[in-house]
Amino acid sequence: YNYATCLEGALKIKELTYMHSEGILAGELKHGPLALIDENMPVIMFVMRDKTYVKTQNALAQVVTRAGRPIVICGDGDEIEGAESLRKIHVPQIVDCLQGILTVIPLQLLSYPLATLKGFDVDCPRNLAKSVTVE
């Protein structure tokens, strides 16, 4: 369920900040994107206690090993092993199929200050057209 949330968050960041961003499955991180990780690459990771928890823990360890400093979005009260010194955003833990509704909010809220810091008008993003159905 968090993959769709990653895609939605990446889209919101792209639309408002004009920065390249991608949503990537934890298991797919080793197929190229991991080569880009260093201390300067911004990384936001979801580490929720769901069926992919072990894979996301492994992906987090891989990012930290390469000097990455990810922002970790995790459940309330979760102490993520290996992430003690990292910045964390805690969200309430609910049933898996609804978790994306809560976990996308930090990404939406993050995109706003990123855009305003860059001097962009968040109320009128460029090159986005309203979808209109014409009959």
N, C-alpha and C. Protein backbone atom coordinates (compact mmCIF):
# COMPACT_ATOMS: atom_id res chain seq x y z
N TYR A 1 0.81 -1.20 0.00
CA TYR A 1 0.00 0.00 0.00
C TYR A 1 0.86 1.27 0.00
N ASN A 2 2.06 1.20 0.53
CA ASN A 2 2.88 2.41 0.61
C ASN A 2 3.48 2.82 -0.73
N TYR A 3 3.52 1.91 -1.69
CA TYR A 3 4.06 2.27 -3.00
C TYR A 3 3.19 3.35 -3.66
N ALA A 4 1.89 3.18 -3.61
CA ALA A 4 1.00 4.19 -4.18
C ALA A 4 1.16 5.53 -3.45
N THR A 5 1.39 5.47 -2.15
CA THR A 5 1.62 6.68 -1.37
C THR A 5 2.92 7.34 -1.80
N CYS A 6 3.95 6.55 -2.04
CA CYS A 6 5.23 7.10 -2.53
C CYS A 6 5.05 7.79 -3.87
N LEU A 7 4.31 7.16 -4.76
CA LEU A 7 4.08 7.76 -6.08
C LEU A 7 3.31 9.07 -5.95
N GLU A 8 2.29 9.09 -5.11
CA GLU A 8 1.50 10.30 -4.91
C GLU A 8 2.34 11.42 -4.30
N GLY A 9 3.16 11.07 -3.29
CA GLY A 9 4.03 12.08 -2.68
C GLY A 9 5.06 12.62 -3.64
N ALA A 10 5.64 11.73 -4.45
CA ALA A 10 6.62 12.16 -5.45
C ALA A 10 5.97 13.09 -6.47
N LEU A 11 4.75 12.76 -6.87
CA LEU A 11 4.03 13.60 -7.82
C LEU A 11 3.77 14.99 -7.24
N LYS A 12 3.35 15.06 -5.99
CA LYS A 12 3.07 16.35 -5.35
C LYS A 12 4.34 17.19 -5.27
N ILE A 13 5.46 16.56 -4.91
CA ILE A 13 6.73 17.28 -4.84
C ILE A 13 7.13 17.79 -6.23
N LYS A 14 6.97 16.95 -7.26
CA LYS A 14 7.28 17.38 -8.64
C LYS A 14 6.41 18.55 -9.08
N GLU A 15 5.11 18.44 -8.82
CA GLU A 15 4.17 19.46 -9.28
C GLU A 15 4.43 20.83 -8.65
N LEU A 16 4.80 20.84 -7.38
CA LEU A 16 4.95 22.12 -6.69
C LEU A 16 6.37 22.67 -6.68
N THR A 17 7.38 21.79 -6.65
CA THR A 17 8.76 22.26 -6.50
C THR A 17 9.58 22.17 -7.78
N TYR A 18 9.06 21.44 -8.78
CA TYR A 18 9.77 21.20 -10.04
C TYR A 18 11.10 20.49 -9.82
N MET A 19 11.16 19.72 -8.76
CA MET A 19 12.33 18.88 -8.47
C MET A 19 12.00 17.46 -8.91
N HIS A 20 13.00 16.76 -9.43
CA HIS A 20 12.77 15.37 -9.79
C HIS A 20 12.58 14.56 -8.51
N SER A 21 11.58 13.72 -8.49
CA SER A 21 11.36 12.81 -7.36
C SER A 21 10.71 11.54 -7.89
N GLU A 22 11.01 10.44 -7.22
CA GLU A 22 10.50 9.13 -7.63
C GLU A 22 9.96 8.38 -6.43
N GLY A 23 8.95 7.57 -6.67
CA GLY A 23 8.49 6.61 -5.68
C GLY A 23 9.03 5.25 -6.06
N ILE A 24 9.76 4.62 -5.15
CA ILE A 24 10.43 3.36 -5.48
C ILE A 24 10.08 2.32 -4.42
N LEU A 25 9.80 1.10 -4.86
CA LEU A 25 9.59 0.00 -3.92
C LEU A 25 10.91 -0.32 -3.21
N ALA A 26 10.83 -0.68 -1.95
CA ALA A 26 12.04 -0.99 -1.18
C ALA A 26 12.85 -2.10 -1.83
N GLY A 27 12.19 -3.09 -2.37
CA GLY A 27 12.89 -4.20 -3.01
C GLY A 27 13.55 -3.83 -4.33
N GLU A 28 13.11 -2.75 -4.94
CA GLU A 28 13.66 -2.29 -6.22
C GLU A 28 14.81 -1.31 -6.04
N LEU A 29 15.09 -0.92 -4.84
CA LEU A 29 16.12 0.07 -4.58
C LEU A 29 17.49 -0.38 -5.10
N LYS A 30 17.75 -1.66 -5.06
CA LYS A 30 19.06 -2.18 -5.47
C LYS A 30 19.26 -2.19 -6.98
N HIS A 31 18.19 -1.96 -7.74
CA HIS A 31 18.28 -2.02 -9.19
C HIS A 31 18.57 -0.66 -9.80
N GLY A 32 19.50 0.08 -9.25
CA GLY A 32 19.92 1.35 -9.83
C GLY A 32 19.87 2.53 -8.90
N PRO A 33 18.73 2.83 -8.29
CA PRO A 33 18.64 4.04 -7.47
C PRO A 33 19.63 4.08 -6.31
N LEU A 34 20.02 2.92 -5.79
CA LEU A 34 20.95 2.88 -4.67
C LEU A 34 22.30 3.49 -5.04
N ALA A 35 22.67 3.43 -6.30
CA ALA A 35 23.94 4.01 -6.76
C ALA A 35 23.97 5.52 -6.60
N LEU A 36 22.81 6.16 -6.54
CA LEU A 36 22.73 7.62 -6.41
C LEU A 36 22.83 8.11 -4.98
N ILE A 37 22.73 7.21 -4.02
CA ILE A 37 22.67 7.61 -2.61
C ILE A 37 24.02 8.09 -2.11
N ASP A 38 24.02 9.28 -1.53
CA ASP A 38 25.15 9.81 -0.78
C ASP A 38 24.61 10.80 0.24
N GLU A 39 25.49 11.53 0.90
CA GLU A 39 25.04 12.44 1.96
C GLU A 39 24.24 13.63 1.43
N ASN A 40 24.27 13.87 0.13
CA ASN A 40 23.57 15.01 -0.46
C ASN A 40 22.24 14.65 -1.12
N MET A 41 21.94 13.37 -1.24
CA MET A 41 20.71 12.95 -1.92
C MET A 41 19.55 12.91 -0.93
N PRO A 42 18.53 13.73 -1.16
CA PRO A 42 17.37 13.69 -0.26
C PRO A 42 16.60 12.37 -0.43
N VAL A 43 16.31 11.73 0.68
CA VAL A 43 15.59 10.45 0.68
C VAL A 43 14.52 10.50 1.76
N ILE A 44 13.31 10.11 1.39
CA ILE A 44 12.23 9.97 2.35
C ILE A 44 11.77 8.52 2.25
N MET A 45 11.71 7.84 3.39
CA MET A 45 11.36 6.42 3.39
C MET A 45 10.18 6.15 4.32
N PHE A 46 9.29 5.27 3.86
CA PHE A 46 8.21 4.77 4.71
C PHE A 46 8.68 3.46 5.33
N VAL A 47 8.68 3.40 6.64
CA VAL A 47 9.02 2.16 7.35
C VAL A 47 7.87 1.88 8.31
N MET A 48 6.84 1.26 7.77
CA MET A 48 5.64 0.96 8.55
C MET A 48 5.65 -0.51 8.95
N ARG A 49 5.02 -0.82 10.05
CA ARG A 49 4.95 -2.22 10.51
C ARG A 49 3.83 -2.93 9.76
N ASP A 50 4.17 -3.34 8.53
CA ASP A 50 3.23 -4.08 7.69
C ASP A 50 3.98 -5.28 7.10
N LYS A 51 3.42 -5.91 6.08
CA LYS A 51 4.04 -7.11 5.54
C LYS A 51 5.37 -6.84 4.83
N THR A 52 5.68 -5.58 4.54
CA THR A 52 6.95 -5.24 3.88
C THR A 52 7.99 -4.68 4.86
N TYR A 53 7.71 -4.78 6.14
CA TYR A 53 8.58 -4.17 7.15
C TYR A 53 10.03 -4.63 7.04
N VAL A 54 10.25 -5.92 6.87
CA VAL A 54 11.62 -6.45 6.80
C VAL A 54 12.34 -5.89 5.57
N LYS A 55 11.65 -5.81 4.45
CA LYS A 55 12.27 -5.27 3.23
C LYS A 55 12.60 -3.79 3.39
N THR A 56 11.70 -3.05 4.02
CA THR A 56 11.98 -1.62 4.18
C THR A 56 13.10 -1.40 5.20
N GLN A 57 13.19 -2.26 6.22
CA GLN A 57 14.31 -2.18 7.17
C GLN A 57 15.63 -2.41 6.44
N ASN A 58 15.64 -3.40 5.55
CA ASN A 58 16.85 -3.69 4.78
C ASN A 58 17.20 -2.52 3.87
N ALA A 59 16.21 -1.95 3.21
CA ALA A 59 16.45 -0.80 2.33
C ALA A 59 16.98 0.39 3.13
N LEU A 60 16.43 0.61 4.31
CA LEU A 60 16.91 1.70 5.18
C LEU A 60 18.37 1.48 5.55
N ALA A 61 18.72 0.26 5.90
CA ALA A 61 20.11 -0.05 6.24
C ALA A 61 21.04 0.20 5.06
N GLN A 62 20.59 -0.15 3.85
CA GLN A 62 21.40 0.08 2.65
C GLN A 62 21.63 1.57 2.42
N VAL A 63 20.60 2.38 2.62
CA VAL A 63 20.72 3.83 2.43
C VAL A 63 21.66 4.42 3.46
N VAL A 64 21.51 4.03 4.72
CA VAL A 64 22.35 4.56 5.79
C VAL A 64 23.80 4.14 5.59
N THR A 65 24.03 2.91 5.13
CA THR A 65 25.39 2.42 4.88
C THR A 65 26.11 3.27 3.84
N ARG A 66 25.37 3.83 2.92
CA ARG A 66 25.96 4.67 1.86
C ARG A 66 25.95 6.14 2.23
N ALA A 67 25.93 6.44 3.49
CA ALA A 67 25.99 7.80 4.03
C ALA A 67 24.72 8.59 3.79
N GLY A 68 23.64 7.91 3.40
CA GLY A 68 22.36 8.60 3.22
C GLY A 68 21.79 8.99 4.58
N ARG A 69 21.03 10.07 4.57
CA ARG A 69 20.38 10.55 5.80
C ARG A 69 18.89 10.70 5.55
N PRO A 70 18.19 9.57 5.41
CA PRO A 70 16.78 9.65 5.04
C PRO A 70 15.90 10.22 6.15
N ILE A 71 14.80 10.81 5.74
CA ILE A 71 13.72 11.16 6.65
C ILE A 71 12.82 9.92 6.66
N VAL A 72 12.56 9.39 7.83
CA VAL A 72 11.79 8.14 7.96
C VAL A 72 10.38 8.47 8.44
N ILE A 73 9.40 8.05 7.66
CA ILE A 73 8.01 8.16 8.07
C ILE A 73 7.61 6.80 8.64
N CYS A 74 7.24 6.78 9.91
CA CYS A 74 6.96 5.51 10.58
C CYS A 74 5.75 5.66 11.50
N GLY A 75 5.32 4.55 12.06
CA GLY A 75 4.16 4.53 12.94
C GLY A 75 4.46 5.14 14.30
N ASP A 76 3.42 5.61 14.95
CA ASP A 76 3.55 6.16 16.31
C ASP A 76 4.24 5.17 17.23
N GLY A 77 5.24 5.65 17.94
CA GLY A 77 5.91 4.83 18.93
C GLY A 77 6.94 3.86 18.36
N ASP A 78 7.06 3.78 17.04
CA ASP A 78 8.04 2.87 16.44
C ASP A 78 9.45 3.40 16.65
N GLU A 79 10.28 2.56 17.18
CA GLU A 79 11.71 2.86 17.26
C GLU A 79 12.37 1.97 16.22
N ILE A 80 12.73 2.54 15.12
CA ILE A 80 13.28 1.80 13.99
C ILE A 80 14.75 1.50 14.25
N GLU A 81 15.10 0.22 14.18
CA GLU A 81 16.48 -0.19 14.41
C GLU A 81 17.40 0.42 13.37
N GLY A 82 18.46 1.05 13.81
CA GLY A 82 19.42 1.68 12.92
C GLY A 82 19.04 3.10 12.53
N ALA A 83 17.91 3.59 13.03
CA ALA A 83 17.45 4.92 12.64
C ALA A 83 17.38 5.87 13.83
N GLU A 84 18.10 5.56 14.88
CA GLU A 84 18.04 6.37 16.09
C GLU A 84 18.46 7.82 15.85
N SER A 85 19.46 8.03 15.00
CA SER A 85 19.96 9.38 14.76
C SER A 85 19.29 10.07 13.56
N LEU A 86 18.36 9.38 12.92
CA LEU A 86 17.70 9.95 11.74
C LEU A 86 16.48 10.76 12.13
N ARG A 87 16.07 11.64 11.25
CA ARG A 87 14.84 12.40 11.46
C ARG A 87 13.66 11.49 11.15
N LYS A 88 12.67 11.52 12.04
CA LYS A 88 11.50 10.66 11.86
C LYS A 88 10.23 11.49 11.95
N ILE A 89 9.25 11.10 11.16
CA ILE A 89 7.92 11.66 11.23
C ILE A 89 7.00 10.52 11.61
N HIS A 90 6.35 10.63 12.76
CA HIS A 90 5.48 9.57 13.24
C HIS A 90 4.04 9.86 12.83
N VAL A 91 3.38 8.83 12.29
CA VAL A 91 1.96 8.93 11.95
C VAL A 91 1.23 7.81 12.68
N PRO A 92 -0.05 8.00 12.97
CA PRO A 92 -0.80 6.93 13.64
C PRO A 92 -0.83 5.65 12.79
N GLN A 93 -0.71 4.53 13.45
CA GLN A 93 -0.74 3.23 12.76
C GLN A 93 -2.20 2.77 12.71
N ILE A 94 -2.68 2.52 11.49
CA ILE A 94 -4.04 2.00 11.32
C ILE A 94 -3.99 0.80 10.39
N VAL A 95 -5.14 0.28 10.01
CA VAL A 95 -5.19 -0.88 9.12
C VAL A 95 -4.45 -0.57 7.82
N ASP A 96 -3.75 -1.57 7.29
CA ASP A 96 -2.86 -1.38 6.14
C ASP A 96 -3.52 -0.68 4.95
N CYS A 97 -4.73 -1.09 4.60
CA CYS A 97 -5.34 -0.54 3.39
C CYS A 97 -5.71 0.93 3.52
N LEU A 98 -5.74 1.47 4.74
CA LEU A 98 -6.04 2.89 4.95
C LEU A 98 -4.81 3.71 5.34
N GLN A 99 -3.69 3.03 5.55
CA GLN A 99 -2.49 3.70 6.03
C GLN A 99 -2.02 4.80 5.09
N GLY A 100 -2.17 4.61 3.79
CA GLY A 100 -1.73 5.60 2.81
C GLY A 100 -2.38 6.96 2.96
N ILE A 101 -3.61 6.97 3.46
CA ILE A 101 -4.31 8.25 3.66
C ILE A 101 -3.56 9.10 4.67
N LEU A 102 -3.03 8.46 5.71
CA LEU A 102 -2.29 9.20 6.74
C LEU A 102 -0.84 9.47 6.35
N THR A 103 -0.21 8.51 5.69
CA THR A 103 1.21 8.66 5.41
C THR A 103 1.51 9.62 4.27
N VAL A 104 0.53 9.91 3.41
CA VAL A 104 0.78 10.87 2.33
C VAL A 104 0.76 12.31 2.84
N ILE A 105 0.13 12.55 3.96
CA ILE A 105 0.01 13.92 4.48
C ILE A 105 1.37 14.57 4.74
N PRO A 106 2.33 13.89 5.38
CA PRO A 106 3.64 14.54 5.57
C PRO A 106 4.31 14.94 4.25
N LEU A 107 4.13 14.14 3.19
CA LEU A 107 4.73 14.49 1.90
C LEU A 107 4.03 15.70 1.29
N GLN A 108 2.72 15.77 1.44
CA GLN A 108 2.01 16.95 0.94
C GLN A 108 2.42 18.20 1.70
N LEU A 109 2.55 18.06 3.02
CA LEU A 109 2.95 19.21 3.83
C LEU A 109 4.41 19.61 3.57
N LEU A 110 5.24 18.67 3.23
CA LEU A 110 6.64 18.96 2.93
C LEU A 110 6.78 19.69 1.59
N SER A 111 5.95 19.34 0.63
CA SER A 111 6.07 19.97 -0.69
C SER A 111 5.76 21.46 -0.66
N TYR A 112 4.89 21.89 0.23
CA TYR A 112 4.52 23.31 0.32
C TYR A 112 5.71 24.20 0.70
N PRO A 113 6.39 23.94 1.84
CA PRO A 113 7.54 24.81 2.17
C PRO A 113 8.70 24.67 1.17
N LEU A 114 8.88 23.49 0.59
CA LEU A 114 9.92 23.35 -0.43
C LEU A 114 9.65 24.29 -1.60
N ALA A 115 8.41 24.35 -2.02
CA ALA A 115 8.05 25.23 -3.14
C ALA A 115 8.18 26.69 -2.77
N THR A 116 7.72 27.07 -1.59
CA THR A 116 7.79 28.48 -1.21
C THR A 116 9.23 28.93 -0.97
N LEU A 117 10.08 28.03 -0.45
CA LEU A 117 11.49 28.37 -0.29
C LEU A 117 12.17 28.64 -1.64
N LYS A 118 11.69 27.95 -2.66
CA LYS A 118 12.24 28.16 -4.00
C LYS A 118 11.58 29.32 -4.73
N GLY A 119 10.58 29.94 -4.07
CA GLY A 119 9.94 31.10 -4.66
C GLY A 119 8.83 30.80 -5.64
N PHE A 120 8.28 29.59 -5.60
CA PHE A 120 7.23 29.20 -6.53
C PHE A 120 5.85 29.46 -5.95
N ASP A 121 4.90 29.78 -6.81
CA ASP A 121 3.52 30.01 -6.41
C ASP A 121 2.81 28.66 -6.33
N VAL A 122 2.52 28.20 -5.12
CA VAL A 122 1.91 26.88 -4.94
C VAL A 122 0.45 26.86 -5.37
N ASP A 123 -0.17 28.02 -5.47
CA ASP A 123 -1.57 28.07 -5.87
C ASP A 123 -1.76 28.04 -7.39
N CYS A 124 -0.68 28.22 -8.11
CA CYS A 124 -0.76 28.24 -9.57
C CYS A 124 0.48 27.57 -10.17
N PRO A 125 0.61 26.24 -10.01
CA PRO A 125 1.79 25.56 -10.57
C PRO A 125 1.82 25.68 -12.09
N ARG A 126 3.01 25.82 -12.63
CA ARG A 126 3.14 25.99 -14.09
C ARG A 126 2.89 24.67 -14.82
N ASN A 127 2.45 24.79 -16.04
CA ASN A 127 2.27 23.66 -16.96
C ASN A 127 1.30 22.58 -16.48
N LEU A 128 0.45 22.90 -15.53
CA LEU A 128 -0.58 21.94 -15.13
C LEU A 128 -1.92 22.44 -15.64
N ALA A 129 -2.57 21.62 -16.42
CA ALA A 129 -3.87 22.00 -16.96
C ALA A 129 -4.97 21.31 -16.18
N LYS A 130 -6.07 21.99 -16.03
CA LYS A 130 -7.23 21.38 -15.40
C LYS A 130 -7.80 20.34 -16.37
N SER A 131 -8.24 19.25 -15.82
CA SER A 131 -8.84 18.20 -16.65
C SER A 131 -10.32 18.54 -16.85
N VAL A 132 -10.68 18.72 -18.12
CA VAL A 132 -12.05 19.07 -18.45
C VAL A 132 -12.56 18.07 -19.48
N THR A 133 -13.71 17.53 -19.21
CA THR A 133 -14.31 16.61 -20.17
C THR A 133 -15.26 17.38 -21.07
N VAL A 134 -15.04 17.28 -22.36
CA VAL A 134 -15.88 17.97 -23.33
C VAL A 134 -16.67 16.94 -24.09
N GLU A 135 -17.96 17.15 -24.17
CA GLU A 135 -18.80 16.19 -24.92
C GLU A 135 -19.17 16.74 -26.27
